[in-house]
Amino acid sequence: MIGCHLDAWDLGTGAIDDASGCGITMAAAKLIRDNLGPLKRTIRVILWANEEYGLSGAAAYHEAHKNNMRQHILGGESDFGAGKIYEFGTRVAESALPVVMEMAELLKPLGIEYSHNKSSSGADLIPLRAAGMAVFGLKQDVTKYFDYHHTANDTLDKIDPIELAQNVAAWVVVTAMAAQIEHDFGFNLKDQ
């Protein structure tokens, strides 16, 4: 599962928060579909609502799917603009770390290093992570993010196309590998 959140309550267009995250995850899923053909697992792209005012979209998603959470093997959310990704983190079962290290090797040419297995991913994954779902996070350079975040200046011209492309490439790597392996990333990780 990959996704973003749609709600923006600012005077700007919400390009950084969080249209870029939606564009990144939807583009990654489309590239995977168009270039890899049938996958072993389904990729679900979620566009959550109301992240800014209490995660009610995330809570509603969890409520609707709480009886099949074991089918949600790995999740990530893009919600920090489109700055260059520099770090890949996870929260998965120890048995999944060899697969994670393969992902990390493929991310290195993009300038992304593996950090740790204590990732929290995005806010909209809080209810799912609390239910035990394994997650990953792709940390971005947010040097300029808070200059525009929640302001009228949150517009498309602030997105660097080269950094955006690097984001999409990173999301393709992690998502495609997760969808093509038989391995389980672990469930009931809420206490780890």
N, C-alpha and C. Protein backbone atom coordinates (compact mmCIF):
# COMPACT_ATOMS: atom_id res chain seq x y z
N MET A 1 0.85 -1.17 0.00
CA MET A 1 0.00 0.00 0.00
C MET A 1 0.90 1.23 0.00
N ILE A 2 0.61 2.13 -0.93
CA ILE A 2 1.29 3.41 -0.96
C ILE A 2 0.24 4.50 -1.08
N GLY A 3 0.59 5.71 -0.67
CA GLY A 3 -0.40 6.77 -0.79
C GLY A 3 0.07 8.11 -0.29
N CYS A 4 -0.92 8.99 -0.14
CA CYS A 4 -0.73 10.38 0.20
C CYS A 4 -2.02 10.88 0.83
N HIS A 5 -2.08 12.18 1.13
CA HIS A 5 -3.36 12.71 1.58
C HIS A 5 -3.78 13.88 0.70
N LEU A 6 -5.08 14.03 0.52
CA LEU A 6 -5.64 15.02 -0.40
C LEU A 6 -5.99 16.35 0.23
N ASP A 7 -6.26 16.38 1.49
CA ASP A 7 -6.77 17.61 2.08
C ASP A 7 -5.70 18.69 2.14
N ALA A 8 -6.09 19.86 1.70
CA ALA A 8 -5.23 21.05 1.81
C ALA A 8 -6.14 22.19 2.21
N TRP A 9 -5.81 22.91 3.24
CA TRP A 9 -6.68 23.96 3.75
C TRP A 9 -5.98 25.31 3.72
N ASP A 10 -4.98 25.42 2.85
CA ASP A 10 -4.20 26.64 2.78
C ASP A 10 -4.64 27.51 1.61
N LEU A 11 -4.06 28.69 1.52
CA LEU A 11 -4.37 29.61 0.44
C LEU A 11 -3.68 29.20 -0.86
N GLY A 12 -2.63 28.40 -0.78
CA GLY A 12 -1.93 27.93 -1.97
C GLY A 12 -2.64 26.75 -2.59
N THR A 13 -1.99 26.14 -3.55
CA THR A 13 -2.61 25.01 -4.27
C THR A 13 -2.36 23.67 -3.60
N GLY A 14 -1.52 23.64 -2.59
CA GLY A 14 -1.22 22.37 -1.93
C GLY A 14 -0.27 21.51 -2.74
N ALA A 15 0.54 22.11 -3.58
CA ALA A 15 1.47 21.35 -4.43
C ALA A 15 2.46 20.55 -3.60
N ILE A 16 2.96 21.15 -2.53
CA ILE A 16 3.93 20.47 -1.66
C ILE A 16 3.20 19.58 -0.67
N ASP A 17 2.10 20.07 -0.10
CA ASP A 17 1.35 19.32 0.91
C ASP A 17 -0.10 19.18 0.46
N ASP A 18 -0.47 18.13 -0.20
CA ASP A 18 0.36 16.98 -0.46
C ASP A 18 0.16 16.48 -1.90
N ALA A 19 -0.09 17.42 -2.82
CA ALA A 19 -0.28 17.00 -4.21
C ALA A 19 0.95 16.29 -4.76
N SER A 20 2.14 16.73 -4.36
CA SER A 20 3.35 16.06 -4.85
C SER A 20 3.39 14.61 -4.37
N GLY A 21 2.99 14.36 -3.13
CA GLY A 21 2.95 12.98 -2.63
C GLY A 21 1.97 12.13 -3.41
N CYS A 22 0.83 12.71 -3.76
CA CYS A 22 -0.15 11.97 -4.57
C CYS A 22 0.42 11.68 -5.96
N GLY A 23 1.05 12.70 -6.56
CA GLY A 23 1.65 12.51 -7.87
C GLY A 23 2.76 11.47 -7.85
N ILE A 24 3.60 11.50 -6.82
CA ILE A 24 4.71 10.55 -6.69
C ILE A 24 4.19 9.12 -6.60
N THR A 25 3.25 8.87 -5.72
CA THR A 25 2.79 7.49 -5.51
C THR A 25 1.94 7.00 -6.69
N MET A 26 1.13 7.87 -7.27
CA MET A 26 0.34 7.44 -8.43
C MET A 26 1.24 7.20 -9.64
N ALA A 27 2.25 8.04 -9.83
CA ALA A 27 3.18 7.84 -10.94
C ALA A 27 3.97 6.55 -10.76
N ALA A 28 4.40 6.27 -9.53
CA ALA A 28 5.13 5.03 -9.27
C ALA A 28 4.27 3.81 -9.61
N ALA A 29 3.03 3.81 -9.17
CA ALA A 29 2.13 2.68 -9.45
C ALA A 29 1.89 2.54 -10.95
N LYS A 30 1.72 3.65 -11.65
CA LYS A 30 1.49 3.60 -13.10
C LYS A 30 2.72 3.07 -13.83
N LEU A 31 3.90 3.54 -13.46
CA LEU A 31 5.13 3.05 -14.10
C LEU A 31 5.31 1.56 -13.88
N ILE A 32 5.03 1.10 -12.67
CA ILE A 32 5.13 -0.33 -12.38
C ILE A 32 4.15 -1.11 -13.23
N ARG A 33 2.90 -0.65 -13.27
CA ARG A 33 1.87 -1.35 -14.06
C ARG A 33 2.25 -1.37 -15.54
N ASP A 34 2.68 -0.25 -16.07
CA ASP A 34 2.97 -0.15 -17.50
C ASP A 34 4.22 -0.91 -17.93
N ASN A 35 5.16 -1.12 -16.99
CA ASN A 35 6.45 -1.71 -17.37
C ASN A 35 6.73 -3.09 -16.82
N LEU A 36 6.02 -3.51 -15.80
CA LEU A 36 6.31 -4.82 -15.21
C LEU A 36 5.22 -5.85 -15.46
N GLY A 37 4.09 -5.43 -15.95
CA GLY A 37 3.02 -6.38 -16.21
C GLY A 37 2.42 -6.93 -14.94
N PRO A 38 1.82 -8.12 -15.02
CA PRO A 38 1.17 -8.70 -13.84
C PRO A 38 2.18 -8.93 -12.71
N LEU A 39 1.75 -8.57 -11.51
CA LEU A 39 2.59 -8.71 -10.32
C LEU A 39 2.07 -9.85 -9.45
N LYS A 40 2.89 -10.28 -8.52
CA LYS A 40 2.48 -11.33 -7.58
C LYS A 40 1.50 -10.78 -6.54
N ARG A 41 1.61 -9.50 -6.25
CA ARG A 41 0.77 -8.88 -5.24
C ARG A 41 0.13 -7.62 -5.82
N THR A 42 -0.98 -7.24 -5.24
CA THR A 42 -1.69 -6.02 -5.65
C THR A 42 -1.03 -4.80 -5.01
N ILE A 43 -0.89 -3.75 -5.79
CA ILE A 43 -0.46 -2.46 -5.25
C ILE A 43 -1.71 -1.62 -5.09
N ARG A 44 -1.95 -1.17 -3.88
CA ARG A 44 -3.10 -0.32 -3.61
C ARG A 44 -2.59 1.09 -3.34
N VAL A 45 -3.10 2.04 -4.12
CA VAL A 45 -2.75 3.45 -3.92
C VAL A 45 -3.93 4.11 -3.20
N ILE A 46 -3.66 4.68 -2.04
CA ILE A 46 -4.69 5.28 -1.21
C ILE A 46 -4.48 6.80 -1.19
N LEU A 47 -5.55 7.52 -1.45
CA LEU A 47 -5.53 8.98 -1.33
C LEU A 47 -6.40 9.32 -0.11
N TRP A 48 -5.75 9.41 1.05
CA TRP A 48 -6.49 9.63 2.29
C TRP A 48 -7.04 11.05 2.36
N ALA A 49 -8.07 11.21 3.16
CA ALA A 49 -8.66 12.52 3.38
C ALA A 49 -8.53 12.89 4.86
N ASN A 50 -8.52 14.17 5.12
CA ASN A 50 -8.57 14.72 6.47
C ASN A 50 -7.37 14.34 7.34
N GLU A 51 -6.20 14.30 6.76
CA GLU A 51 -5.00 14.08 7.56
C GLU A 51 -4.76 15.27 8.47
N GLU A 52 -5.01 16.47 7.95
CA GLU A 52 -4.71 17.69 8.69
C GLU A 52 -5.58 17.87 9.93
N TYR A 53 -6.78 17.34 9.91
CA TYR A 53 -7.70 17.56 11.03
C TYR A 53 -8.09 16.27 11.75
N GLY A 54 -7.15 15.37 11.91
CA GLY A 54 -7.43 14.25 12.78
C GLY A 54 -7.37 12.86 12.20
N LEU A 55 -6.87 12.69 10.98
CA LEU A 55 -6.66 11.35 10.40
C LEU A 55 -7.95 10.55 10.24
N SER A 56 -9.08 11.22 10.07
CA SER A 56 -10.33 10.46 9.99
C SER A 56 -10.38 9.58 8.74
N GLY A 57 -9.74 9.99 7.65
CA GLY A 57 -9.69 9.13 6.46
C GLY A 57 -8.90 7.86 6.73
N ALA A 58 -7.79 7.99 7.42
CA ALA A 58 -6.97 6.83 7.78
C ALA A 58 -7.72 5.92 8.75
N ALA A 59 -8.40 6.52 9.71
CA ALA A 59 -9.17 5.72 10.67
C ALA A 59 -10.32 5.00 9.97
N ALA A 60 -10.98 5.67 9.03
CA ALA A 60 -12.07 5.03 8.29
C ALA A 60 -11.55 3.89 7.42
N TYR A 61 -10.38 4.08 6.81
CA TYR A 61 -9.79 3.00 6.01
C TYR A 61 -9.50 1.79 6.90
N HIS A 62 -8.89 2.03 8.05
CA HIS A 62 -8.59 0.93 8.97
C HIS A 62 -9.86 0.23 9.41
N GLU A 63 -10.88 0.98 9.74
CA GLU A 63 -12.15 0.39 10.18
C GLU A 63 -12.74 -0.49 9.07
N ALA A 64 -12.68 -0.02 7.85
CA ALA A 64 -13.25 -0.78 6.72
C ALA A 64 -12.46 -2.04 6.40
N HIS A 65 -11.17 -2.06 6.76
CA HIS A 65 -10.30 -3.18 6.38
C HIS A 65 -9.69 -3.91 7.57
N LYS A 66 -10.19 -3.66 8.76
CA LYS A 66 -9.55 -4.25 9.95
C LYS A 66 -9.59 -5.77 9.96
N ASN A 67 -10.54 -6.36 9.27
CA ASN A 67 -10.62 -7.82 9.26
C ASN A 67 -9.72 -8.48 8.22
N ASN A 68 -9.11 -7.68 7.36
CA ASN A 68 -8.18 -8.26 6.39
C ASN A 68 -6.82 -7.54 6.41
N MET A 69 -6.43 -7.06 7.58
CA MET A 69 -5.17 -6.34 7.70
C MET A 69 -3.96 -7.20 7.34
N ARG A 70 -4.04 -8.49 7.52
CA ARG A 70 -2.90 -9.36 7.18
C ARG A 70 -2.61 -9.36 5.69
N GLN A 71 -3.55 -8.90 4.88
CA GLN A 71 -3.32 -8.80 3.44
C GLN A 71 -2.58 -7.51 3.08
N HIS A 72 -2.44 -6.63 4.01
CA HIS A 72 -1.69 -5.39 3.81
C HIS A 72 -0.26 -5.64 4.29
N ILE A 73 0.61 -6.05 3.37
CA ILE A 73 1.92 -6.54 3.79
C ILE A 73 2.95 -5.45 4.06
N LEU A 74 2.81 -4.29 3.41
CA LEU A 74 3.79 -3.22 3.59
C LEU A 74 3.15 -1.91 3.15
N GLY A 75 3.38 -0.86 3.90
CA GLY A 75 2.79 0.43 3.54
C GLY A 75 3.75 1.58 3.67
N GLY A 76 3.53 2.59 2.83
CA GLY A 76 4.33 3.81 2.88
C GLY A 76 3.50 4.99 2.43
N GLU A 77 3.79 6.16 2.98
CA GLU A 77 3.07 7.38 2.61
C GLU A 77 4.06 8.47 2.22
N SER A 78 3.77 9.16 1.14
CA SER A 78 4.57 10.30 0.70
C SER A 78 3.85 11.57 1.16
N ASP A 79 4.40 12.24 2.15
CA ASP A 79 3.74 13.42 2.72
C ASP A 79 4.76 14.44 3.24
N PHE A 80 5.79 14.70 2.48
CA PHE A 80 6.74 15.73 2.91
C PHE A 80 7.28 16.47 1.70
N GLY A 81 6.42 16.73 0.74
CA GLY A 81 6.83 17.44 -0.46
C GLY A 81 7.52 16.53 -1.45
N ALA A 82 8.41 17.12 -2.24
CA ALA A 82 9.10 16.36 -3.29
C ALA A 82 10.60 16.61 -3.25
N GLY A 83 11.11 17.00 -2.08
CA GLY A 83 12.55 17.19 -1.95
C GLY A 83 13.28 15.87 -2.13
N LYS A 84 14.54 15.95 -2.43
CA LYS A 84 15.34 14.75 -2.70
C LYS A 84 15.30 13.78 -1.52
N ILE A 85 15.07 12.52 -1.82
CA ILE A 85 15.08 11.47 -0.79
C ILE A 85 16.53 11.12 -0.49
N TYR A 86 16.86 11.03 0.79
CA TYR A 86 18.22 10.69 1.19
C TYR A 86 18.27 9.44 2.07
N GLU A 87 17.12 8.98 2.59
CA GLU A 87 17.14 7.89 3.56
C GLU A 87 15.94 6.98 3.38
N PHE A 88 16.17 5.70 3.54
CA PHE A 88 15.16 4.65 3.47
C PHE A 88 15.14 3.94 4.81
N GLY A 89 13.98 3.92 5.45
CA GLY A 89 13.83 3.22 6.71
C GLY A 89 12.65 2.27 6.66
N THR A 90 12.63 1.31 7.54
CA THR A 90 11.56 0.32 7.57
C THR A 90 11.14 0.03 9.00
N ARG A 91 10.02 -0.64 9.13
CA ARG A 91 9.60 -1.30 10.36
C ARG A 91 9.00 -2.61 9.91
N VAL A 92 9.85 -3.61 9.82
CA VAL A 92 9.45 -4.93 9.31
C VAL A 92 9.98 -6.01 10.25
N ALA A 93 9.52 -7.23 10.04
CA ALA A 93 10.03 -8.36 10.81
C ALA A 93 11.51 -8.58 10.48
N GLU A 94 12.26 -9.05 11.44
CA GLU A 94 13.69 -9.32 11.21
C GLU A 94 13.89 -10.24 10.01
N SER A 95 12.99 -11.18 9.81
CA SER A 95 13.12 -12.12 8.70
C SER A 95 13.01 -11.45 7.34
N ALA A 96 12.47 -10.23 7.29
CA ALA A 96 12.33 -9.50 6.02
C ALA A 96 13.52 -8.61 5.73
N LEU A 97 14.44 -8.47 6.64
CA LEU A 97 15.57 -7.56 6.44
C LEU A 97 16.45 -7.92 5.24
N PRO A 98 16.65 -9.19 4.90
CA PRO A 98 17.43 -9.47 3.68
C PRO A 98 16.79 -8.86 2.42
N VAL A 99 15.46 -8.89 2.32
CA VAL A 99 14.77 -8.27 1.19
C VAL A 99 14.93 -6.76 1.26
N VAL A 100 14.82 -6.20 2.44
CA VAL A 100 14.99 -4.76 2.63
C VAL A 100 16.40 -4.34 2.20
N MET A 101 17.40 -5.16 2.52
CA MET A 101 18.77 -4.83 2.13
C MET A 101 18.94 -4.87 0.60
N GLU A 102 18.21 -5.75 -0.07
CA GLU A 102 18.21 -5.76 -1.54
C GLU A 102 17.61 -4.46 -2.07
N MET A 103 16.51 -4.02 -1.47
CA MET A 103 15.92 -2.74 -1.85
C MET A 103 16.92 -1.61 -1.65
N ALA A 104 17.58 -1.63 -0.49
CA ALA A 104 18.54 -0.58 -0.15
C ALA A 104 19.68 -0.52 -1.17
N GLU A 105 20.13 -1.67 -1.63
CA GLU A 105 21.19 -1.68 -2.65
C GLU A 105 20.72 -1.02 -3.93
N LEU A 106 19.49 -1.26 -4.31
CA LEU A 106 18.95 -0.66 -5.54
C LEU A 106 18.71 0.84 -5.38
N LEU A 107 18.53 1.29 -4.16
CA LEU A 107 18.31 2.72 -3.91
C LEU A 107 19.62 3.52 -3.85
N LYS A 108 20.73 2.85 -3.60
CA LYS A 108 22.02 3.55 -3.46
C LYS A 108 22.38 4.41 -4.66
N PRO A 109 22.19 3.95 -5.90
CA PRO A 109 22.52 4.82 -7.04
C PRO A 109 21.68 6.11 -7.09
N LEU A 110 20.56 6.13 -6.38
CA LEU A 110 19.72 7.33 -6.31
C LEU A 110 20.17 8.26 -5.18
N GLY A 111 21.24 7.88 -4.47
CA GLY A 111 21.73 8.69 -3.37
C GLY A 111 20.99 8.46 -2.07
N ILE A 112 20.39 7.30 -1.94
CA ILE A 112 19.57 6.98 -0.76
C ILE A 112 20.24 5.88 0.05
N GLU A 113 20.41 6.11 1.34
CA GLU A 113 21.03 5.14 2.24
C GLU A 113 19.99 4.54 3.17
N TYR A 114 20.20 3.29 3.56
CA TYR A 114 19.32 2.66 4.54
C TYR A 114 19.67 3.20 5.92
N SER A 115 18.63 3.46 6.74
CA SER A 115 18.88 4.02 8.06
C SER A 115 18.67 3.01 9.18
N HIS A 116 17.45 2.51 9.36
CA HIS A 116 17.15 1.66 10.50
C HIS A 116 15.81 0.95 10.29
N ASN A 117 15.52 0.05 11.20
CA ASN A 117 14.27 -0.70 11.14
C ASN A 117 13.29 -0.22 12.22
N LYS A 118 13.21 1.10 12.39
CA LYS A 118 12.28 1.68 13.37
C LYS A 118 11.49 2.81 12.73
N SER A 119 11.23 2.71 11.44
CA SER A 119 10.53 3.77 10.71
C SER A 119 9.08 3.88 11.16
N SER A 120 8.55 5.08 11.01
CA SER A 120 7.14 5.28 11.34
C SER A 120 6.29 5.55 10.11
N SER A 121 6.93 5.86 8.98
CA SER A 121 6.26 6.23 7.74
C SER A 121 5.42 7.48 7.96
N GLY A 122 4.31 7.63 7.23
CA GLY A 122 3.52 8.85 7.30
C GLY A 122 2.40 8.79 8.32
N ALA A 123 1.82 9.95 8.59
CA ALA A 123 0.77 10.07 9.61
C ALA A 123 -0.44 9.19 9.29
N ASP A 124 -0.83 9.10 8.02
CA ASP A 124 -2.01 8.32 7.68
C ASP A 124 -1.83 6.82 7.90
N LEU A 125 -0.61 6.39 8.11
CA LEU A 125 -0.38 4.97 8.40
C LEU A 125 -0.41 4.67 9.89
N ILE A 126 -0.61 5.68 10.72
CA ILE A 126 -0.62 5.46 12.17
C ILE A 126 -1.64 4.39 12.58
N PRO A 127 -2.90 4.45 12.15
CA PRO A 127 -3.84 3.40 12.56
C PRO A 127 -3.46 2.01 12.04
N LEU A 128 -2.89 1.96 10.85
CA LEU A 128 -2.51 0.67 10.26
C LEU A 128 -1.26 0.12 10.92
N ARG A 129 -0.30 0.99 11.19
CA ARG A 129 0.91 0.57 11.90
C ARG A 129 0.54 0.11 13.32
N ALA A 130 -0.39 0.83 13.95
CA ALA A 130 -0.83 0.44 15.30
C ALA A 130 -1.51 -0.92 15.29
N ALA A 131 -2.11 -1.28 14.14
CA ALA A 131 -2.74 -2.59 14.00
C ALA A 131 -1.74 -3.68 13.66
N GLY A 132 -0.47 -3.29 13.42
CA GLY A 132 0.57 -4.28 13.20
C GLY A 132 1.16 -4.33 11.80
N MET A 133 0.73 -3.48 10.89
CA MET A 133 1.23 -3.53 9.52
C MET A 133 2.68 -3.08 9.45
N ALA A 134 3.47 -3.76 8.63
CA ALA A 134 4.85 -3.36 8.37
C ALA A 134 4.83 -2.10 7.49
N VAL A 135 5.80 -1.20 7.72
CA VAL A 135 5.83 0.06 6.99
C VAL A 135 7.25 0.39 6.54
N PHE A 136 7.32 1.33 5.60
CA PHE A 136 8.61 1.87 5.19
C PHE A 136 8.47 3.38 5.08
N GLY A 137 9.60 4.07 5.13
CA GLY A 137 9.61 5.51 4.97
C GLY A 137 10.76 5.92 4.07
N LEU A 138 10.51 6.88 3.21
CA LEU A 138 11.53 7.45 2.34
C LEU A 138 11.67 8.92 2.74
N LYS A 139 12.70 9.22 3.51
CA LYS A 139 12.87 10.57 4.07
C LYS A 139 13.44 11.53 3.04
N GLN A 140 12.82 12.70 2.99
CA GLN A 140 13.19 13.71 2.01
C GLN A 140 13.91 14.89 2.66
N ASP A 141 14.67 15.59 1.85
CA ASP A 141 15.29 16.84 2.27
C ASP A 141 14.17 17.86 2.43
N VAL A 142 13.98 18.35 3.63
CA VAL A 142 12.91 19.31 3.89
C VAL A 142 13.46 20.71 4.18
N THR A 143 14.65 20.99 3.66
CA THR A 143 15.29 22.28 3.90
C THR A 143 14.37 23.44 3.51
N LYS A 144 13.68 23.33 2.37
CA LYS A 144 12.81 24.40 1.90
C LYS A 144 11.32 24.13 2.18
N TYR A 145 11.01 22.94 2.62
CA TYR A 145 9.62 22.51 2.81
C TYR A 145 8.82 23.48 3.69
N PHE A 146 9.37 23.84 4.83
CA PHE A 146 8.61 24.67 5.77
C PHE A 146 8.61 26.15 5.39
N ASP A 147 9.35 26.51 4.34
CA ASP A 147 9.23 27.87 3.80
C ASP A 147 7.89 28.06 3.09
N TYR A 148 7.33 26.96 2.58
CA TYR A 148 6.11 27.02 1.78
C TYR A 148 4.92 26.27 2.39
N HIS A 149 5.21 25.32 3.24
CA HIS A 149 4.20 24.46 3.85
C HIS A 149 3.13 25.28 4.56
N HIS A 150 1.88 25.02 4.21
CA HIS A 150 0.72 25.70 4.81
C HIS A 150 0.74 27.21 4.59
N THR A 151 1.22 27.61 3.42
CA THR A 151 1.19 29.03 3.06
C THR A 151 0.61 29.18 1.66
N ALA A 152 0.35 30.41 1.29
CA ALA A 152 -0.13 30.71 -0.07
C ALA A 152 0.95 30.42 -1.12
N ASN A 153 2.18 30.23 -0.70
CA ASN A 153 3.28 29.96 -1.62
C ASN A 153 3.46 28.47 -1.94
N ASP A 154 2.58 27.63 -1.43
CA ASP A 154 2.65 26.19 -1.70
C ASP A 154 2.09 25.93 -3.10
N THR A 155 2.90 26.23 -4.10
CA THR A 155 2.48 26.14 -5.50
C THR A 155 3.45 25.29 -6.31
N LEU A 156 3.00 24.85 -7.46
CA LEU A 156 3.75 23.90 -8.29
C LEU A 156 5.14 24.38 -8.67
N ASP A 157 5.34 25.67 -8.83
CA ASP A 157 6.65 26.18 -9.23
C ASP A 157 7.74 25.92 -8.18
N LYS A 158 7.36 25.49 -6.97
CA LYS A 158 8.33 25.19 -5.92
C LYS A 158 8.85 23.76 -6.01
N ILE A 159 8.26 22.95 -6.88
CA ILE A 159 8.66 21.55 -7.03
C ILE A 159 9.77 21.46 -8.07
N ASP A 160 10.90 20.86 -7.68
CA ASP A 160 12.03 20.66 -8.58
C ASP A 160 11.79 19.36 -9.38
N PRO A 161 11.69 19.43 -10.71
CA PRO A 161 11.39 18.23 -11.51
C PRO A 161 12.41 17.11 -11.36
N ILE A 162 13.67 17.46 -11.15
CA ILE A 162 14.70 16.43 -11.00
C ILE A 162 14.52 15.70 -9.67
N GLU A 163 14.26 16.45 -8.61
CA GLU A 163 14.02 15.83 -7.30
C GLU A 163 12.73 15.02 -7.32
N LEU A 164 11.71 15.51 -8.01
CA LEU A 164 10.45 14.77 -8.15
C LEU A 164 10.69 13.44 -8.84
N ALA A 165 11.48 13.43 -9.91
CA ALA A 165 11.79 12.19 -10.63
C ALA A 165 12.54 11.21 -9.74
N GLN A 166 13.45 11.70 -8.90
CA GLN A 166 14.18 10.82 -7.98
C GLN A 166 13.22 10.20 -6.98
N ASN A 167 12.25 10.97 -6.50
CA ASN A 167 11.22 10.45 -5.60
C ASN A 167 10.46 9.30 -6.26
N VAL A 168 9.98 9.55 -7.46
CA VAL A 168 9.20 8.52 -8.17
C VAL A 168 10.05 7.26 -8.35
N ALA A 169 11.31 7.42 -8.76
CA ALA A 169 12.18 6.26 -8.95
C ALA A 169 12.33 5.45 -7.67
N ALA A 170 12.51 6.13 -6.54
CA ALA A 170 12.66 5.43 -5.26
C ALA A 170 11.38 4.68 -4.90
N TRP A 171 10.23 5.31 -5.10
CA TRP A 171 8.97 4.65 -4.81
C TRP A 171 8.74 3.46 -5.73
N VAL A 172 9.19 3.55 -6.97
CA VAL A 172 9.08 2.41 -7.90
C VAL A 172 9.90 1.24 -7.37
N VAL A 173 11.13 1.50 -6.95
CA VAL A 173 12.00 0.42 -6.47
C VAL A 173 11.37 -0.32 -5.31
N VAL A 174 11.00 0.40 -4.27
CA VAL A 174 10.47 -0.25 -3.06
C VAL A 174 9.14 -0.93 -3.34
N THR A 175 8.24 -0.24 -4.02
CA THR A 175 6.90 -0.77 -4.25
C THR A 175 6.94 -1.99 -5.19
N ALA A 176 7.71 -1.90 -6.25
CA ALA A 176 7.79 -3.01 -7.20
C ALA A 176 8.39 -4.25 -6.55
N MET A 177 9.45 -4.06 -5.78
CA MET A 177 10.06 -5.22 -5.12
C MET A 177 9.09 -5.85 -4.12
N ALA A 178 8.39 -5.01 -3.35
CA ALA A 178 7.43 -5.55 -2.38
C ALA A 178 6.31 -6.32 -3.08
N ALA A 179 5.92 -5.86 -4.25
CA ALA A 179 4.82 -6.50 -4.98
C ALA A 179 5.26 -7.75 -5.74
N GLN A 180 6.54 -7.97 -5.87
CA GLN A 180 7.02 -9.09 -6.67
C GLN A 180 7.58 -10.24 -5.84
N ILE A 181 7.66 -10.10 -4.55
CA ILE A 181 8.23 -11.18 -3.75
C ILE A 181 7.15 -11.95 -3.02
N GLU A 182 7.47 -13.15 -2.65
CA GLU A 182 6.54 -13.99 -1.89
C GLU A 182 6.67 -13.72 -0.39
N HIS A 183 7.75 -13.11 0.01
CA HIS A 183 8.06 -12.94 1.42
C HIS A 183 7.04 -12.07 2.12
N ASP A 184 6.76 -12.40 3.37
CA ASP A 184 5.90 -11.60 4.22
C ASP A 184 6.79 -10.62 4.99
N PHE A 185 6.42 -9.36 5.04
CA PHE A 185 7.23 -8.37 5.75
C PHE A 185 6.95 -8.36 7.25
N GLY A 186 6.01 -9.16 7.66
CA GLY A 186 5.71 -9.27 9.07
C GLY A 186 4.40 -8.60 9.43
N PHE A 187 3.76 -9.13 10.40
CA PHE A 187 2.52 -8.54 10.89
C PHE A 187 2.59 -8.54 12.41
N ASN A 188 1.75 -7.73 13.00
CA ASN A 188 1.72 -7.57 14.46
C ASN A 188 3.03 -6.99 14.98
N LEU A 189 3.50 -5.96 14.28
CA LEU A 189 4.75 -5.31 14.65
C LEU A 189 4.52 -4.11 15.57
N LYS A 190 3.33 -3.97 16.08
CA LYS A 190 3.00 -2.77 16.86
C LYS A 190 3.85 -2.61 18.13
N ASP A 191 4.37 -3.70 18.65
CA ASP A 191 5.16 -3.60 19.87
C ASP A 191 6.66 -3.46 19.61
N GLN A 192 7.04 -3.43 18.35
CA GLN A 192 8.47 -3.34 18.02
C GLN A 192 8.89 -1.92 17.77
